[in-house]
């Protein structure tokens, strides 16, 4: 059982490491091959905060390809926060950060950025 539930949307351009990060977080396994996310994938993880409290975090891994943006934006509703990814070696993914933030801000007030 858990005391808190948080829904986090993981978003950003394609091939920026969103799914790899979640795989590493949950399975302690890094996969370096690129397999694009189709639409949105769901996963969750339970974290122990202390001896008496636990939190369940539901991760919504949103596809970064432009053709899925309308689907992705629907998952910004009713979320606790988000993690925005970009690739420091790809200028385009960095310049698209403002576009992602604009879409995200329409749905939620608090933004958490993960670099």
C-alpha atoms as a PDB file:
ATOM      1  CA  UNK A   1       0.000   0.000   0.000  1.00  0.00           C
ATOM      2  CA  UNK A   2       1.093   3.608  -0.509  1.00  0.00           C
ATOM      3  CA  UNK A   3       0.322   6.953   1.093  1.00  0.00           C
ATOM      4  CA  UNK A   4       0.614   9.201  -1.952  1.00  0.00           C
ATOM      5  CA  UNK A   5       0.093   8.898  -5.696  1.00  0.00           C
ATOM      6  CA  UNK A   6       1.756  11.177  -8.244  1.00  0.00           C
ATOM      7  CA  UNK A   7       1.215  11.204 -11.979  1.00  0.00           C
ATOM      8  CA  UNK A   8       4.242  12.439 -13.943  1.00  0.00           C
ATOM      9  CA  UNK A   9       4.285  13.051 -17.655  1.00  0.00           C
ATOM     10  CA  UNK A  10       7.656  12.418 -19.327  1.00  0.00           C
ATOM     11  CA  UNK A  11       7.858  14.433 -22.532  1.00  0.00           C
ATOM     12  CA  UNK A  12      10.161  16.053 -25.086  1.00  0.00           C
ATOM     13  CA  UNK A  13      11.423  15.423 -28.607  1.00  0.00           C
ATOM     14  CA  UNK A  14      11.967  11.901 -29.873  1.00  0.00           C
ATOM     15  CA  UNK A  15      15.268  10.138 -29.154  1.00  0.00           C
ATOM     16  CA  UNK A  16      16.115  12.262 -26.111  1.00  0.00           C
ATOM     17  CA  UNK A  17      16.279   9.408 -23.587  1.00  0.00           C
ATOM     18  CA  UNK A  18      12.834   9.484 -21.980  1.00  0.00           C
ATOM     19  CA  UNK A  19      12.166   5.755 -22.226  1.00  0.00           C
ATOM     20  CA  UNK A  20      15.792   4.871 -21.456  1.00  0.00           C
ATOM     21  CA  UNK A  21      15.610   6.952 -18.281  1.00  0.00           C
ATOM     22  CA  UNK A  22      12.432   5.187 -17.149  1.00  0.00           C
ATOM     23  CA  UNK A  23      13.911   1.766 -17.939  1.00  0.00           C
ATOM     24  CA  UNK A  24      16.980   2.637 -15.888  1.00  0.00           C
ATOM     25  CA  UNK A  25      14.857   3.950 -13.017  1.00  0.00           C
ATOM     26  CA  UNK A  26      12.649   0.885 -12.861  1.00  0.00           C
ATOM     27  CA  UNK A  27      14.838  -1.979 -14.011  1.00  0.00           C
ATOM     28  CA  UNK A  28      18.314  -0.626 -13.310  1.00  0.00           C
ATOM     29  CA  UNK A  29      18.977  -1.581 -16.908  1.00  0.00           C
ATOM     30  CA  UNK A  30      20.201   0.829 -19.574  1.00  0.00           C
ATOM     31  CA  UNK A  31      19.194   0.012 -23.151  1.00  0.00           C
ATOM     32  CA  UNK A  32      21.157   1.949 -25.760  1.00  0.00           C
ATOM     33  CA  UNK A  33      19.096   0.938 -28.793  1.00  0.00           C
ATOM     34  CA  UNK A  34      16.435   3.376 -29.946  1.00  0.00           C
ATOM     35  CA  UNK A  35      12.889   2.054 -30.125  1.00  0.00           C
ATOM     36  CA  UNK A  36      10.365   4.861 -30.564  1.00  0.00           C
ATOM     37  CA  UNK A  37       7.394   5.101 -28.231  1.00  0.00           C
ATOM     38  CA  UNK A  38       4.070   4.820 -30.038  1.00  0.00           C
ATOM     39  CA  UNK A  39       1.567   7.215 -28.474  1.00  0.00           C
ATOM     40  CA  UNK A  40       1.952   6.926 -24.704  1.00  0.00           C
ATOM     41  CA  UNK A  41       3.322   4.146 -22.517  1.00  0.00           C
ATOM     42  CA  UNK A  42       2.457   3.761 -18.855  1.00  0.00           C
ATOM     43  CA  UNK A  43       4.638   2.495 -16.033  1.00  0.00           C
ATOM     44  CA  UNK A  44       4.773   2.991 -12.285  1.00  0.00           C
ATOM     45  CA  UNK A  45       7.216   2.721  -9.440  1.00  0.00           C
ATOM     46  CA  UNK A  46       6.706   2.651  -5.670  1.00  0.00           C
ATOM     47  CA  UNK A  47       9.244   4.529  -3.572  1.00  0.00           C
ATOM     48  CA  UNK A  48       9.704   4.268   0.174  1.00  0.00           C
ATOM     49  CA  UNK A  49       9.990   7.744   1.732  1.00  0.00           C
ATOM     50  CA  UNK A  50      10.681   6.568   5.286  1.00  0.00           C
ATOM     51  CA  UNK A  51       9.670   3.733   7.609  1.00  0.00           C
ATOM     52  CA  UNK A  52       5.963   4.562   7.424  1.00  0.00           C
ATOM     53  CA  UNK A  53       5.293   6.342   4.131  1.00  0.00           C
ATOM     54  CA  UNK A  54       5.448   5.238   0.514  1.00  0.00           C
ATOM     55  CA  UNK A  55       4.616   6.989  -2.728  1.00  0.00           C
ATOM     56  CA  UNK A  56       3.475   5.530  -6.034  1.00  0.00           C
ATOM     57  CA  UNK A  57       4.623   7.434  -9.089  1.00  0.00           C
ATOM     58  CA  UNK A  58       2.781   6.757 -12.344  1.00  0.00           C
ATOM     59  CA  UNK A  59       4.902   7.681 -15.343  1.00  0.00           C
ATOM     60  CA  UNK A  60       3.267   8.561 -18.660  1.00  0.00           C
ATOM     61  CA  UNK A  61       6.019   8.209 -21.265  1.00  0.00           C
ATOM     62  CA  UNK A  62       4.849  10.373 -24.170  1.00  0.00           C
ATOM     63  CA  UNK A  63       6.041   9.870 -27.728  1.00  0.00           C
ATOM     64  CA  UNK A  64       8.143  12.734 -29.054  1.00  0.00           C
ATOM     65  CA  UNK A  65       7.329  12.415 -32.739  1.00  0.00           C
ATOM     66  CA  UNK A  66       5.268  15.291 -34.113  1.00  0.00           C
ATOM     67  CA  UNK A  67       2.508  12.999 -35.376  1.00  0.00           C
ATOM     68  CA  UNK A  68       1.730  12.000 -31.761  1.00  0.00           C
ATOM     69  CA  UNK A  69       1.677  15.524 -30.259  1.00  0.00           C
ATOM     70  CA  UNK A  70      -2.126  15.764 -30.205  1.00  0.00           C
ATOM     71  CA  UNK A  71      -2.309  12.441 -28.338  1.00  0.00           C
ATOM     72  CA  UNK A  72       0.513  13.441 -25.995  1.00  0.00           C
ATOM     73  CA  UNK A  73      -1.103  16.724 -24.968  1.00  0.00           C
ATOM     74  CA  UNK A  74      -4.182  14.876 -23.710  1.00  0.00           C
ATOM     75  CA  UNK A  75      -2.012  13.197 -21.070  1.00  0.00           C
ATOM     76  CA  UNK A  76      -0.995  16.575 -19.624  1.00  0.00           C
ATOM     77  CA  UNK A  77      -4.417  16.769 -17.958  1.00  0.00           C
ATOM     78  CA  UNK A  78      -4.646  16.028 -14.228  1.00  0.00           C
ATOM     79  CA  UNK A  79      -0.958  15.385 -13.706  1.00  0.00           C
ATOM     80  CA  UNK A  80       1.184  16.245 -10.720  1.00  0.00           C
ATOM     81  CA  UNK A  81       4.220  17.318 -12.724  1.00  0.00           C
ATOM     82  CA  UNK A  82       6.365  16.591 -15.695  1.00  0.00           C
ATOM     83  CA  UNK A  83       9.888  15.851 -16.767  1.00  0.00           C
ATOM     84  CA  UNK A  84      11.025  17.555 -19.951  1.00  0.00           C
ATOM     85  CA  UNK A  85      13.872  15.921 -21.843  1.00  0.00           C
ATOM     86  CA  UNK A  86      16.122  17.282 -24.558  1.00  0.00           C
ATOM     87  CA  UNK A  87      19.362  16.107 -26.133  1.00  0.00           C
ATOM     88  CA  UNK A  88      22.344  18.394 -25.469  1.00  0.00           C
ATOM     89  CA  UNK A  89      23.947  17.153 -28.693  1.00  0.00           C
ATOM     90  CA  UNK A  90      20.909  18.029 -30.826  1.00  0.00           C
ATOM     91  CA  UNK A  91      20.221  21.738 -31.207  1.00  0.00           C
ATOM     92  CA  UNK A  92      16.707  21.134 -32.580  1.00  0.00           C
ATOM     93  CA  UNK A  93      15.601  19.249 -29.457  1.00  0.00           C
ATOM     94  CA  UNK A  94      16.843  22.180 -27.357  1.00  0.00           C
ATOM     95  CA  UNK A  95      15.088  24.811 -29.467  1.00  0.00           C
ATOM     96  CA  UNK A  96      11.850  22.798 -29.177  1.00  0.00           C
ATOM     97  CA  UNK A  97      11.943  23.075 -25.363  1.00  0.00           C
ATOM     98  CA  UNK A  98       9.934  26.315 -25.423  1.00  0.00           C
ATOM     99  CA  UNK A  99       7.271  24.690 -27.604  1.00  0.00           C
ATOM    100  CA  UNK A 100       6.967  21.787 -25.149  1.00  0.00           C
ATOM    101  CA  UNK A 101       6.807  24.148 -22.166  1.00  0.00           C
ATOM    102  CA  UNK A 102       4.058  26.181 -23.848  1.00  0.00           C
ATOM    103  CA  UNK A 103       1.973  23.037 -24.464  1.00  0.00           C
ATOM    104  CA  UNK A 104       2.602  21.847 -20.934  1.00  0.00           C
ATOM    105  CA  UNK A 105       1.784  25.185 -19.267  1.00  0.00           C
ATOM    106  CA  UNK A 106      -1.649  25.161 -20.862  1.00  0.00           C
ATOM    107  CA  UNK A 107      -2.475  22.134 -18.728  1.00  0.00           C
ATOM    108  CA  UNK A 108      -0.526  22.556 -15.466  1.00  0.00           C
ATOM    109  CA  UNK A 109       0.929  25.357 -13.390  1.00  0.00           C
ATOM    110  CA  UNK A 110       4.084  23.724 -11.970  1.00  0.00           C
ATOM    111  CA  UNK A 111       6.885  22.569 -14.246  1.00  0.00           C
ATOM    112  CA  UNK A 112       9.778  20.426 -13.222  1.00  0.00           C
ATOM    113  CA  UNK A 113      12.588  20.274 -15.756  1.00  0.00           C
ATOM    114  CA  UNK A 114      15.022  17.405 -15.933  1.00  0.00           C
ATOM    115  CA  UNK A 115      18.204  18.045 -17.854  1.00  0.00           C
END
